[in-house]
N, C-alpha and C. Protein backbone atom coordinates (compact mmCIF):
# COMPACT_ATOMS: atom_id res chain seq x y z
N MET A 1 11.09 44.80 12.91
CA MET A 1 11.09 43.62 13.72
C MET A 1 9.62 42.95 13.03
N ALA A 2 8.36 43.83 13.10
CA ALA A 2 7.31 43.38 12.69
C ALA A 2 7.24 42.87 11.37
N LEU A 3 7.83 43.56 10.46
CA LEU A 3 8.04 42.85 9.20
C LEU A 3 8.72 41.69 9.05
N ARG A 4 9.71 41.58 9.89
CA ARG A 4 10.46 40.33 9.81
C ARG A 4 9.47 39.12 10.50
N ASN A 5 8.82 39.31 11.53
CA ASN A 5 7.97 38.28 12.11
C ASN A 5 6.87 37.90 11.18
N PHE A 6 6.50 38.94 10.46
CA PHE A 6 5.34 38.67 9.45
C PHE A 6 5.79 37.70 8.16
N ALA A 7 7.10 37.91 7.90
CA ALA A 7 7.65 37.21 6.80
C ALA A 7 7.86 35.90 7.21
N VAL A 8 8.34 35.65 8.38
CA VAL A 8 8.46 34.26 8.98
C VAL A 8 7.21 33.60 9.09
N LEU A 9 6.09 34.19 9.39
CA LEU A 9 4.92 33.69 9.52
C LEU A 9 4.37 33.18 8.23
N ILE A 10 4.64 34.11 7.25
CA ILE A 10 4.36 33.65 5.75
C ILE A 10 5.20 32.50 5.32
N LEU A 11 6.35 32.40 5.47
CA LEU A 11 7.15 31.25 5.28
C LEU A 11 6.70 29.95 5.84
N ALA A 12 6.05 29.96 7.15
CA ALA A 12 5.78 28.89 7.92
C ALA A 12 4.51 28.49 7.12
N LEU A 13 3.49 29.37 6.92
CA LEU A 13 2.24 28.98 6.23
C LEU A 13 2.44 28.49 5.07
N SER A 14 3.45 28.91 4.16
CA SER A 14 3.71 28.41 2.81
C SER A 14 4.13 26.70 2.92
N LEU A 15 5.18 26.67 3.85
CA LEU A 15 5.74 25.37 4.09
C LEU A 15 4.68 24.30 4.57
N ALA A 16 3.63 24.88 5.41
CA ALA A 16 2.68 23.92 5.94
C ALA A 16 1.71 23.64 4.72
N THR A 17 1.44 24.55 3.83
CA THR A 17 0.64 24.17 2.77
C THR A 17 1.25 23.16 1.64
N THR A 18 2.37 23.35 1.62
CA THR A 18 3.27 22.86 0.70
C THR A 18 3.02 21.20 1.31
N GLU A 19 3.38 21.06 2.57
CA GLU A 19 3.40 19.63 3.12
C GLU A 19 2.21 19.15 2.85
N ARG A 20 0.83 19.86 2.99
CA ARG A 20 -0.39 19.22 2.89
C ARG A 20 -0.52 19.00 1.25
N ALA A 21 -0.13 19.62 0.71
CA ALA A 21 -0.34 19.31 -0.80
C ALA A 21 0.23 17.92 -1.33
N ILE A 22 1.40 17.64 -0.79
CA ILE A 22 2.17 16.52 -1.30
C ILE A 22 1.69 15.51 -0.56
N ALA A 23 0.99 15.70 0.67
CA ALA A 23 0.65 14.48 1.44
C ALA A 23 -0.61 13.65 0.94
N GLY A 24 -1.08 13.95 -0.14
CA GLY A 24 -2.26 13.19 -0.56
C GLY A 24 -2.32 13.66 -2.09
N ASP A 25 -3.56 13.08 -2.68
CA ASP A 25 -3.99 13.59 -4.09
C ASP A 25 -4.15 14.99 -4.01
N PRO A 26 -3.94 15.72 -5.18
CA PRO A 26 -4.26 17.20 -5.06
C PRO A 26 -5.70 17.35 -5.47
N ASP A 27 -6.40 18.35 -5.18
CA ASP A 27 -7.75 18.62 -5.70
C ASP A 27 -7.69 18.96 -7.12
N ILE A 28 -9.03 18.61 -7.95
CA ILE A 28 -8.95 19.02 -9.21
C ILE A 28 -10.10 19.91 -9.35
N VAL A 29 -10.02 20.72 -10.40
CA VAL A 29 -11.19 21.74 -10.75
C VAL A 29 -12.09 21.36 -11.67
N SER A 30 -12.29 20.18 -12.01
CA SER A 30 -13.27 19.62 -12.87
C SER A 30 -13.88 18.49 -12.42
N ASP A 31 -15.07 17.99 -12.95
CA ASP A 31 -15.75 16.80 -12.64
C ASP A 31 -14.75 15.67 -12.68
N PHE A 32 -13.93 15.34 -13.57
CA PHE A 32 -13.05 14.24 -13.72
C PHE A 32 -12.10 14.75 -14.74
N ILE A 33 -11.10 13.92 -14.93
CA ILE A 33 -9.84 14.30 -15.54
C ILE A 33 -9.88 13.25 -16.90
N MET A 34 -10.02 13.99 -18.08
CA MET A 34 -10.17 13.11 -19.34
C MET A 34 -8.64 12.74 -19.83
N PRO A 35 -8.62 11.51 -20.29
CA PRO A 35 -7.36 10.86 -20.64
C PRO A 35 -6.72 11.72 -21.76
N PRO A 36 -5.43 11.76 -21.92
CA PRO A 36 -4.88 12.49 -22.97
C PRO A 36 -5.30 12.27 -24.35
N ASN A 37 -5.45 13.31 -25.20
CA ASN A 37 -5.77 13.21 -26.42
C ASN A 37 -7.29 12.68 -26.73
N ASN A 38 -8.08 12.71 -25.68
CA ASN A 38 -9.51 12.31 -25.63
C ASN A 38 -10.27 13.76 -25.60
N THR A 39 -11.35 13.82 -26.26
CA THR A 39 -12.31 14.99 -26.36
C THR A 39 -13.50 14.52 -25.69
N LYS A 40 -13.78 13.04 -25.79
CA LYS A 40 -15.24 12.47 -25.32
C LYS A 40 -15.08 11.37 -24.74
N VAL A 41 -15.61 10.90 -23.64
CA VAL A 41 -15.79 9.65 -23.01
C VAL A 41 -17.22 9.31 -22.89
N ASP A 42 -17.53 7.92 -22.69
CA ASP A 42 -18.61 7.44 -22.08
C ASP A 42 -18.69 6.71 -20.96
N GLY A 43 -19.78 5.93 -20.51
CA GLY A 43 -19.86 5.23 -19.56
C GLY A 43 -18.73 4.11 -19.11
N ARG A 44 -18.25 3.64 -20.37
CA ARG A 44 -17.19 2.66 -20.30
C ARG A 44 -15.98 3.15 -19.71
N PHE A 45 -15.67 4.51 -19.96
CA PHE A 45 -14.44 4.91 -19.33
C PHE A 45 -14.54 4.78 -17.71
N PHE A 46 -15.52 5.00 -17.09
CA PHE A 46 -15.85 4.84 -15.52
C PHE A 46 -15.96 3.68 -15.02
N THR A 47 -16.01 2.30 -16.02
CA THR A 47 -15.99 1.08 -15.62
C THR A 47 -14.86 0.44 -15.66
N TYR A 48 -14.74 -0.53 -14.60
CA TYR A 48 -13.51 -1.26 -14.34
C TYR A 48 -14.00 -2.77 -14.21
N THR A 49 -13.52 -3.69 -15.16
CA THR A 49 -14.15 -4.86 -15.27
C THR A 49 -13.04 -6.06 -14.83
N LYS A 50 -12.06 -5.74 -14.47
CA LYS A 50 -10.90 -6.49 -14.46
C LYS A 50 -10.90 -7.39 -13.07
N PHE A 51 -11.96 -7.32 -12.30
CA PHE A 51 -12.13 -7.94 -11.02
C PHE A 51 -13.03 -9.22 -11.18
N ARG A 52 -13.57 -9.10 -12.44
CA ARG A 52 -14.56 -10.14 -12.87
C ARG A 52 -14.02 -11.54 -12.70
N GLY A 53 -14.30 -12.59 -11.96
CA GLY A 53 -14.02 -13.91 -11.84
C GLY A 53 -12.81 -14.21 -10.90
N ILE A 54 -12.56 -12.98 -10.03
CA ILE A 54 -11.40 -12.83 -9.24
C ILE A 54 -11.65 -13.91 -8.19
N PHE A 55 -12.96 -14.00 -7.83
CA PHE A 55 -13.19 -14.92 -6.64
C PHE A 55 -13.28 -16.53 -6.90
N ASP A 56 -13.18 -16.69 -8.16
CA ASP A 56 -13.54 -18.17 -8.73
C ASP A 56 -12.51 -19.18 -8.29
N GLY A 57 -11.36 -18.53 -7.85
CA GLY A 57 -10.20 -19.63 -7.72
C GLY A 57 -9.44 -19.08 -6.45
N VAL A 58 -8.46 -19.76 -6.14
CA VAL A 58 -7.50 -19.52 -4.97
C VAL A 58 -5.98 -19.62 -5.43
N PRO A 59 -5.22 -18.43 -5.68
CA PRO A 59 -3.87 -18.45 -6.01
C PRO A 59 -3.04 -19.36 -5.26
N GLU A 60 -2.01 -20.11 -5.60
CA GLU A 60 -1.11 -20.81 -4.82
C GLU A 60 -0.14 -19.96 -3.89
N THR A 61 0.18 -18.84 -4.18
CA THR A 61 0.82 -17.60 -3.46
C THR A 61 -0.02 -16.35 -3.30
N PHE A 62 0.46 -15.78 -2.28
CA PHE A 62 -0.38 -14.41 -1.98
C PHE A 62 -0.40 -13.65 -3.27
N LYS A 63 -1.69 -13.06 -3.60
CA LYS A 63 -1.72 -12.32 -4.87
C LYS A 63 -2.72 -10.87 -4.63
N VAL A 64 -2.12 -9.84 -5.03
CA VAL A 64 -2.98 -8.60 -4.97
C VAL A 64 -3.17 -8.13 -6.31
N THR A 65 -4.48 -7.83 -6.54
CA THR A 65 -4.90 -7.29 -7.70
C THR A 65 -5.32 -5.97 -7.59
N LYS A 66 -5.00 -5.00 -8.27
CA LYS A 66 -5.25 -3.38 -8.05
C LYS A 66 -6.15 -3.01 -9.04
N ALA A 67 -6.94 -2.00 -8.61
CA ALA A 67 -7.55 -0.86 -9.36
C ALA A 67 -7.21 0.39 -9.00
N SER A 68 -6.20 0.73 -9.35
CA SER A 68 -5.45 2.05 -9.05
C SER A 68 -5.49 2.80 -10.24
N LEU A 69 -4.80 4.07 -10.16
CA LEU A 69 -4.52 4.98 -11.28
C LEU A 69 -4.14 4.34 -12.52
N THR A 70 -3.01 3.31 -12.39
CA THR A 70 -2.32 2.78 -13.40
C THR A 70 -3.32 1.86 -14.26
N GLU A 71 -4.14 1.03 -13.58
CA GLU A 71 -5.02 0.08 -14.14
C GLU A 71 -6.40 0.74 -14.53
N PHE A 72 -6.86 1.80 -14.06
CA PHE A 72 -8.07 2.31 -14.01
C PHE A 72 -8.00 3.86 -14.29
N PRO A 73 -7.66 4.36 -15.21
CA PRO A 73 -7.36 5.91 -15.57
C PRO A 73 -8.48 6.68 -15.12
N ALA A 74 -9.73 6.31 -15.08
CA ALA A 74 -10.75 7.25 -14.75
C ALA A 74 -10.62 7.65 -13.20
N LEU A 75 -9.83 6.88 -12.41
CA LEU A 75 -9.52 7.26 -10.95
C LEU A 75 -8.71 8.57 -10.59
N ASP A 76 -8.08 9.18 -11.81
CA ASP A 76 -7.18 10.26 -11.97
C ASP A 76 -7.98 11.23 -11.34
N GLY A 77 -7.42 11.93 -10.14
CA GLY A 77 -8.15 13.02 -9.40
C GLY A 77 -9.22 12.67 -8.41
N GLN A 78 -9.45 11.55 -8.41
CA GLN A 78 -10.77 11.11 -7.55
C GLN A 78 -10.29 10.67 -6.06
N SER A 79 -9.15 10.41 -5.85
CA SER A 79 -8.62 10.14 -4.41
C SER A 79 -9.30 8.89 -3.73
N VAL A 80 -9.40 7.83 -4.69
CA VAL A 80 -9.96 6.51 -4.29
C VAL A 80 -9.11 5.58 -5.14
N SER A 81 -8.99 4.25 -4.62
CA SER A 81 -8.74 2.98 -5.24
C SER A 81 -9.05 1.94 -4.56
N TYR A 82 -8.88 0.62 -5.13
CA TYR A 82 -9.25 -0.62 -4.37
C TYR A 82 -8.25 -1.46 -4.90
N ALA A 83 -8.02 -2.68 -3.97
CA ALA A 83 -7.18 -3.87 -4.21
C ALA A 83 -7.94 -5.07 -3.55
N VAL A 84 -7.72 -6.24 -4.31
CA VAL A 84 -8.29 -7.28 -3.91
C VAL A 84 -7.20 -8.26 -3.48
N LEU A 85 -6.89 -8.68 -2.15
CA LEU A 85 -5.87 -9.50 -1.51
C LEU A 85 -6.27 -10.91 -1.33
N GLN A 86 -5.46 -11.90 -1.98
CA GLN A 86 -5.98 -13.31 -1.83
C GLN A 86 -4.72 -14.18 -1.14
N PHE A 87 -5.26 -14.83 -0.01
CA PHE A 87 -4.26 -15.53 0.77
C PHE A 87 -4.30 -16.79 0.72
N PRO A 88 -3.39 -17.52 0.17
CA PRO A 88 -3.70 -19.25 0.11
C PRO A 88 -3.70 -19.51 1.67
N ALA A 89 -4.08 -20.90 2.00
CA ALA A 89 -4.05 -21.32 3.24
C ALA A 89 -2.69 -21.65 3.77
N ASN A 90 -2.54 -21.66 5.07
CA ASN A 90 -1.36 -22.08 5.73
C ASN A 90 -0.09 -21.37 5.32
N GLY A 91 -0.11 -19.95 5.78
CA GLY A 91 0.99 -19.02 5.50
C GLY A 91 0.94 -18.09 4.60
N GLY A 92 -0.24 -17.96 3.81
CA GLY A 92 -0.34 -16.87 2.80
C GLY A 92 0.03 -15.61 3.57
N VAL A 93 0.88 -14.61 3.15
CA VAL A 93 1.35 -13.55 3.80
C VAL A 93 1.64 -12.47 2.80
N ASN A 94 1.09 -11.09 3.16
CA ASN A 94 1.60 -9.76 2.51
C ASN A 94 2.67 -9.24 3.40
N PRO A 95 3.77 -9.35 3.04
CA PRO A 95 4.79 -9.21 3.79
C PRO A 95 4.83 -7.55 4.34
N PRO A 96 5.55 -7.25 5.35
CA PRO A 96 5.65 -5.72 6.01
C PRO A 96 5.91 -4.63 4.60
N HIS A 97 5.04 -3.90 4.65
CA HIS A 97 5.05 -2.86 3.69
C HIS A 97 4.50 -1.55 4.17
N THR A 98 4.61 -0.29 3.21
CA THR A 98 3.83 0.90 3.77
C THR A 98 3.28 1.37 2.43
N HIS A 99 2.12 2.27 2.57
CA HIS A 99 1.82 2.97 1.46
C HIS A 99 1.77 4.73 1.79
N PRO A 100 2.82 5.21 1.17
CA PRO A 100 3.24 6.59 1.59
C PRO A 100 2.19 7.49 1.34
N ARG A 101 1.32 7.37 0.44
CA ARG A 101 0.23 8.31 0.10
C ARG A 101 -1.15 8.15 0.59
N SER A 102 -1.43 7.12 1.23
CA SER A 102 -2.86 6.89 1.85
C SER A 102 -2.73 5.68 2.95
N SER A 103 -3.90 5.98 3.68
CA SER A 103 -4.14 4.99 4.63
C SER A 103 -5.11 3.85 3.95
N GLU A 104 -5.26 2.74 4.76
CA GLU A 104 -5.79 1.55 3.95
C GLU A 104 -6.71 0.99 4.80
N LEU A 105 -7.93 0.91 4.40
CA LEU A 105 -9.23 0.32 4.88
C LEU A 105 -9.34 -1.15 4.52
N LEU A 106 -8.98 -2.06 5.15
CA LEU A 106 -9.13 -3.72 4.86
C LEU A 106 -10.46 -4.14 5.16
N PHE A 107 -11.10 -4.90 4.32
CA PHE A 107 -12.49 -5.36 4.55
C PHE A 107 -12.10 -6.88 4.28
N LEU A 108 -12.51 -7.81 5.50
CA LEU A 108 -12.25 -9.35 5.16
C LEU A 108 -13.56 -10.03 4.62
N VAL A 109 -13.70 -10.62 3.50
CA VAL A 109 -14.74 -11.10 2.79
C VAL A 109 -14.75 -12.64 2.93
N ALA A 110 -13.64 -13.19 3.10
CA ALA A 110 -13.60 -14.61 3.33
C ALA A 110 -12.41 -15.20 4.09
N GLY A 111 -12.68 -16.16 4.97
CA GLY A 111 -11.61 -16.87 5.81
C GLY A 111 -11.14 -15.98 7.01
N PHE A 112 -10.05 -16.06 7.53
CA PHE A 112 -9.46 -15.26 8.61
C PHE A 112 -8.02 -14.66 8.42
N LEU A 113 -7.71 -13.58 9.00
CA LEU A 113 -6.53 -13.11 8.84
C LEU A 113 -5.95 -12.46 10.14
N GLU A 114 -4.71 -12.66 10.30
CA GLU A 114 -3.97 -11.82 11.42
C GLU A 114 -3.26 -10.53 10.92
N VAL A 115 -3.52 -9.44 11.32
CA VAL A 115 -3.13 -8.25 10.64
C VAL A 115 -2.33 -7.54 11.73
N GLY A 116 -1.49 -6.44 11.47
CA GLY A 116 -0.72 -5.59 12.29
C GLY A 116 -0.10 -4.66 11.80
N PHE A 117 0.10 -3.32 12.64
CA PHE A 117 1.14 -2.37 12.05
C PHE A 117 2.01 -1.85 13.22
N VAL A 118 3.04 -1.11 12.84
CA VAL A 118 3.91 -0.57 13.97
C VAL A 118 3.85 0.89 13.67
N ASP A 119 3.65 1.72 14.90
CA ASP A 119 3.64 3.03 14.83
C ASP A 119 5.06 3.82 14.91
N THR A 120 4.97 4.99 15.16
CA THR A 120 6.40 5.71 14.99
C THR A 120 7.05 5.47 16.25
N LYS A 121 6.47 4.91 17.21
CA LYS A 121 7.16 4.77 18.62
C LYS A 121 7.47 3.12 18.70
N ASN A 122 7.45 2.54 17.54
CA ASN A 122 7.78 1.08 17.49
C ASN A 122 6.69 0.28 18.23
N VAL A 123 5.50 0.81 18.44
CA VAL A 123 4.66 -0.14 19.34
C VAL A 123 3.79 -0.93 18.07
N LEU A 124 3.59 -2.34 18.28
CA LEU A 124 3.06 -2.97 17.45
C LEU A 124 1.42 -3.32 17.86
N TYR A 125 0.49 -3.03 16.85
CA TYR A 125 -0.87 -3.20 17.09
C TYR A 125 -1.31 -4.31 16.06
N THR A 126 -1.84 -5.48 16.84
CA THR A 126 -2.38 -6.77 16.00
C THR A 126 -3.65 -7.04 16.11
N GLN A 127 -4.21 -7.74 15.37
CA GLN A 127 -5.73 -8.32 15.55
C GLN A 127 -6.01 -9.39 14.72
N LYS A 128 -6.79 -10.28 15.09
CA LYS A 128 -7.27 -11.48 14.35
C LYS A 128 -8.65 -11.04 13.71
N LEU A 129 -8.90 -11.09 12.49
CA LEU A 129 -9.87 -10.73 11.91
C LEU A 129 -10.80 -11.95 11.32
N ARG A 130 -12.12 -11.76 11.25
CA ARG A 130 -13.16 -12.79 10.85
C ARG A 130 -13.86 -12.05 9.73
N VAL A 131 -14.59 -12.89 8.92
CA VAL A 131 -15.49 -12.40 7.94
C VAL A 131 -16.21 -11.06 8.48
N GLY A 132 -16.21 -10.05 7.74
CA GLY A 132 -17.24 -8.97 8.10
C GLY A 132 -16.34 -7.84 8.84
N ASP A 133 -15.18 -8.29 9.40
CA ASP A 133 -14.35 -7.31 10.14
C ASP A 133 -13.57 -6.36 9.13
N MET A 134 -13.47 -5.16 9.72
CA MET A 134 -12.56 -3.98 8.95
C MET A 134 -11.44 -3.68 9.90
N PHE A 135 -10.56 -3.32 9.10
CA PHE A 135 -9.39 -2.92 10.00
C PHE A 135 -8.54 -1.88 9.14
N VAL A 136 -8.13 -0.58 9.91
CA VAL A 136 -7.57 0.49 9.16
C VAL A 136 -5.94 0.49 9.45
N PHE A 137 -5.23 0.59 8.61
CA PHE A 137 -3.64 0.74 8.64
C PHE A 137 -3.55 2.33 8.22
N PRO A 138 -2.99 3.05 9.26
CA PRO A 138 -2.63 4.55 8.94
C PRO A 138 -1.74 4.79 8.05
N LYS A 139 -1.86 5.79 7.25
CA LYS A 139 -0.91 6.31 6.23
C LYS A 139 0.53 6.25 6.76
N GLY A 140 1.40 5.68 5.91
CA GLY A 140 2.74 5.65 5.93
C GLY A 140 3.43 4.72 6.93
N LEU A 141 2.58 4.03 7.80
CA LEU A 141 3.09 3.01 8.78
C LEU A 141 3.30 1.54 8.08
N VAL A 142 4.40 0.80 8.67
CA VAL A 142 4.63 -0.38 8.23
C VAL A 142 3.46 -1.42 8.65
N HIS A 143 2.95 -2.22 7.92
CA HIS A 143 1.85 -3.08 8.29
C HIS A 143 2.05 -4.47 7.38
N TYR A 144 1.22 -5.46 7.98
CA TYR A 144 1.21 -6.42 7.17
C TYR A 144 -0.22 -7.44 7.37
N GLN A 145 -0.20 -8.39 6.57
CA GLN A 145 -1.53 -9.44 6.80
C GLN A 145 -0.88 -10.93 6.68
N TYR A 146 -1.53 -11.75 7.32
CA TYR A 146 -1.07 -13.09 7.30
C TYR A 146 -2.27 -14.22 7.69
N ASN A 147 -2.12 -15.14 6.68
CA ASN A 147 -3.25 -16.30 6.94
C ASN A 147 -2.48 -17.37 7.53
N SER A 148 -2.71 -17.82 8.94
CA SER A 148 -2.21 -18.94 9.36
C SER A 148 -2.99 -20.24 9.37
N ARG A 149 -4.15 -19.94 8.97
CA ARG A 149 -5.08 -21.25 8.90
C ARG A 149 -4.64 -22.26 7.98
N PRO A 150 -4.59 -23.50 8.39
CA PRO A 150 -4.01 -24.45 7.71
C PRO A 150 -4.80 -25.03 6.33
N ASP A 151 -6.22 -24.61 6.34
CA ASP A 151 -6.97 -25.24 5.33
C ASP A 151 -8.22 -24.17 4.80
N ILE A 152 -7.98 -23.03 5.12
CA ILE A 152 -8.87 -22.03 4.64
C ILE A 152 -8.28 -20.84 4.09
N PRO A 153 -8.37 -20.45 2.77
CA PRO A 153 -7.83 -19.32 2.14
C PRO A 153 -8.52 -18.25 2.62
N ALA A 154 -8.05 -16.94 2.51
CA ALA A 154 -8.58 -15.61 2.91
C ALA A 154 -8.55 -14.75 1.77
N ILE A 155 -9.72 -13.85 1.83
CA ILE A 155 -9.69 -12.86 0.64
C ILE A 155 -10.22 -11.57 1.53
N ALA A 156 -9.52 -10.50 1.18
CA ALA A 156 -9.82 -9.24 1.67
C ALA A 156 -9.87 -8.23 0.64
N VAL A 157 -10.59 -7.05 0.93
CA VAL A 157 -10.70 -5.96 -0.11
C VAL A 157 -10.20 -4.72 0.70
N SER A 158 -9.25 -3.95 -0.01
CA SER A 158 -8.73 -2.92 0.50
C SER A 158 -9.15 -1.56 -0.16
N ALA A 159 -9.37 -0.60 0.44
CA ALA A 159 -9.90 0.66 -0.07
C ALA A 159 -8.90 1.75 0.41
N PHE A 160 -8.24 2.41 -0.66
CA PHE A 160 -7.25 3.59 -0.44
C PHE A 160 -7.90 4.96 -0.65
N GLY A 161 -7.23 5.99 0.26
CA GLY A 161 -7.79 7.29 -0.07
C GLY A 161 -6.81 7.94 -0.90
N SER A 162 -6.40 7.37 -2.09
CA SER A 162 -5.57 7.92 -3.15
C SER A 162 -5.69 6.98 -4.20
N ALA A 163 -5.80 7.68 -5.54
CA ALA A 163 -5.84 6.98 -6.77
C ALA A 163 -4.36 6.25 -6.92
N ASN A 164 -3.35 6.46 -6.15
CA ASN A 164 -1.95 6.12 -6.47
C ASN A 164 -1.39 6.01 -4.91
N ALA A 165 -1.76 5.05 -4.15
CA ALA A 165 -1.43 4.75 -2.61
C ALA A 165 0.13 4.79 -2.73
N GLY A 166 0.57 3.86 -3.67
CA GLY A 166 2.11 3.47 -3.73
C GLY A 166 2.23 2.42 -2.57
N THR A 167 3.23 1.48 -2.90
CA THR A 167 3.57 0.40 -2.07
C THR A 167 5.13 0.43 -1.94
N VAL A 168 5.68 0.47 -0.68
CA VAL A 168 7.06 0.13 -0.52
C VAL A 168 7.14 -1.01 0.39
N SER A 169 7.59 -2.01 -0.33
CA SER A 169 7.77 -3.41 0.45
C SER A 169 9.03 -3.25 1.43
N VAL A 170 8.96 -3.57 2.55
CA VAL A 170 10.19 -3.44 3.53
C VAL A 170 11.28 -4.47 3.12
N PRO A 171 10.86 -5.89 2.85
CA PRO A 171 12.16 -6.59 2.53
C PRO A 171 12.74 -6.34 1.12
N LEU A 172 12.08 -5.97 0.25
CA LEU A 172 12.68 -5.74 -1.08
C LEU A 172 13.29 -4.25 -1.08
N SER A 173 12.85 -3.33 -0.46
CA SER A 173 13.34 -1.99 -0.27
C SER A 173 14.77 -2.06 0.54
N VAL A 174 14.82 -3.07 1.36
CA VAL A 174 16.06 -3.05 2.23
C VAL A 174 17.13 -4.00 1.51
N PHE A 175 16.55 -5.10 0.93
CA PHE A 175 17.54 -6.31 0.47
C PHE A 175 17.68 -6.41 -0.98
N ALA A 176 16.78 -5.75 -1.68
CA ALA A 176 16.88 -5.94 -3.30
C ALA A 176 16.96 -4.70 -4.08
N THR A 177 17.57 -3.64 -3.28
CA THR A 177 17.85 -2.39 -4.07
C THR A 177 19.21 -2.04 -4.06
N GLY A 178 20.26 -2.96 -3.93
CA GLY A 178 21.58 -2.60 -4.10
C GLY A 178 22.36 -1.91 -2.85
N ILE A 179 21.65 -1.93 -1.75
CA ILE A 179 22.65 -1.34 -0.54
C ILE A 179 23.62 -2.43 -0.31
N ASP A 180 24.73 -1.79 -0.17
CA ASP A 180 25.98 -2.51 0.23
C ASP A 180 25.76 -3.68 1.27
N ASP A 181 26.28 -5.06 0.96
CA ASP A 181 26.10 -6.16 2.13
C ASP A 181 26.67 -5.67 3.45
N GLU A 182 27.74 -5.05 3.42
CA GLU A 182 28.53 -4.60 4.62
C GLU A 182 27.72 -3.50 5.57
N ILE A 183 26.93 -2.78 4.78
CA ILE A 183 26.21 -1.81 5.46
C ILE A 183 24.95 -2.48 6.10
N LEU A 184 24.43 -3.43 5.36
CA LEU A 184 23.23 -4.08 5.80
C LEU A 184 23.83 -4.97 7.08
N ALA A 185 24.72 -5.48 7.07
CA ALA A 185 25.22 -6.49 7.99
C ALA A 185 25.50 -5.72 9.40
N LYS A 186 26.10 -4.43 9.39
CA LYS A 186 26.16 -3.63 10.36
C LYS A 186 25.01 -3.12 11.02
N SER A 187 24.07 -2.76 10.09
CA SER A 187 22.74 -2.36 10.27
C SER A 187 22.02 -3.24 11.12
N PHE A 188 22.13 -4.46 10.77
CA PHE A 188 21.19 -5.47 11.26
C PHE A 188 22.19 -6.54 12.26
N LYS A 189 23.31 -5.92 12.62
CA LYS A 189 24.15 -6.64 13.64
C LYS A 189 24.40 -8.14 13.37
N THR A 190 24.77 -8.26 12.03
CA THR A 190 24.85 -9.80 11.74
C THR A 190 26.12 -9.76 10.58
N ASP A 191 26.30 -10.74 9.87
CA ASP A 191 27.46 -10.88 9.13
C ASP A 191 27.13 -10.79 7.52
N VAL A 192 27.86 -10.70 6.78
CA VAL A 192 27.69 -10.53 5.23
C VAL A 192 26.93 -11.84 4.76
N HIS A 193 27.28 -13.04 5.20
CA HIS A 193 26.98 -14.24 4.74
C HIS A 193 25.36 -14.43 5.20
N THR A 194 25.01 -13.75 6.12
CA THR A 194 23.68 -13.90 6.48
C THR A 194 22.87 -13.11 5.60
N ILE A 195 23.23 -11.82 5.30
CA ILE A 195 22.63 -10.85 4.32
C ILE A 195 22.46 -11.52 2.79
N GLU A 196 23.52 -12.30 2.62
CA GLU A 196 23.61 -12.87 1.29
C GLU A 196 22.56 -14.12 1.18
N LYS A 197 22.51 -14.76 2.31
CA LYS A 197 21.43 -15.82 2.26
C LYS A 197 20.03 -15.13 2.26
N ILE A 198 19.80 -13.99 2.84
CA ILE A 198 18.46 -13.31 2.73
C ILE A 198 18.12 -12.86 1.41
N LYS A 199 19.28 -12.13 0.92
CA LYS A 199 19.03 -11.70 -0.47
C LYS A 199 18.71 -12.84 -1.50
N ALA A 200 19.40 -14.13 -1.29
CA ALA A 200 19.21 -15.13 -2.13
C ALA A 200 17.64 -15.60 -1.91
N GLY A 201 17.13 -15.35 -0.77
CA GLY A 201 15.76 -16.11 -0.56
C GLY A 201 14.66 -15.14 -1.19
N LEU A 202 14.89 -13.70 -1.50
CA LEU A 202 14.31 -12.77 -1.96
C LEU A 202 14.42 -12.73 -3.52
N ALA A 203 15.52 -13.33 -4.06
CA ALA A 203 15.50 -13.29 -5.55
C ALA A 203 14.44 -14.09 -6.24
N PRO A 204 13.98 -13.53 -7.29
CA PRO A 204 12.92 -14.31 -8.19
C PRO A 204 13.45 -15.62 -8.65
N HIS A 205 12.46 -16.71 -8.65
CA HIS A 205 12.81 -18.02 -8.96
C HIS A 205 12.72 -17.98 -10.57
N LYS A 206 13.54 -18.55 -11.25
CA LYS A 206 13.43 -18.67 -12.72
C LYS A 206 12.93 -20.08 -13.14
């Protein structure tokens, strides 16, 4: 019996360890990770310049510019990344989405934003932010940002505790991934025609 209990304990600990390992970026055993087929790097490898000029204009629609593992390979193994979020006036919105591998710390640097997230009990937490304010979105929870001001664009910088936080867009995941219209109609207690209209609104304009 004691041996059996010991085996159960070992199994539980191994499962817990595995869950922690996939919950975020793995630890590395070197100062940094060299890019494939490279044996030497210099300061340029650790420098990211694609944010230059990003604050010079305001896009016509919401725009996110990322500095994550894909865009900035030096972040591999460092468990950090950034994104610049630009919201035009009068309705610029970052639709409901999640980041499965990281929390998000948003810092508002221009304008005003309305933000919110929903917890696992379906409780909505909202706040109106002004320049200099910060807001944290817990890892994996659905959240959004919205600029309702009619004449003032907004800009925010978001920091992530992962080099590859991932983004799952709720509207696109639900309505643009091929889930059967009948299933969606039943799930949202509506009809297929309504689902088709939603899908048409999410289709990219040519």
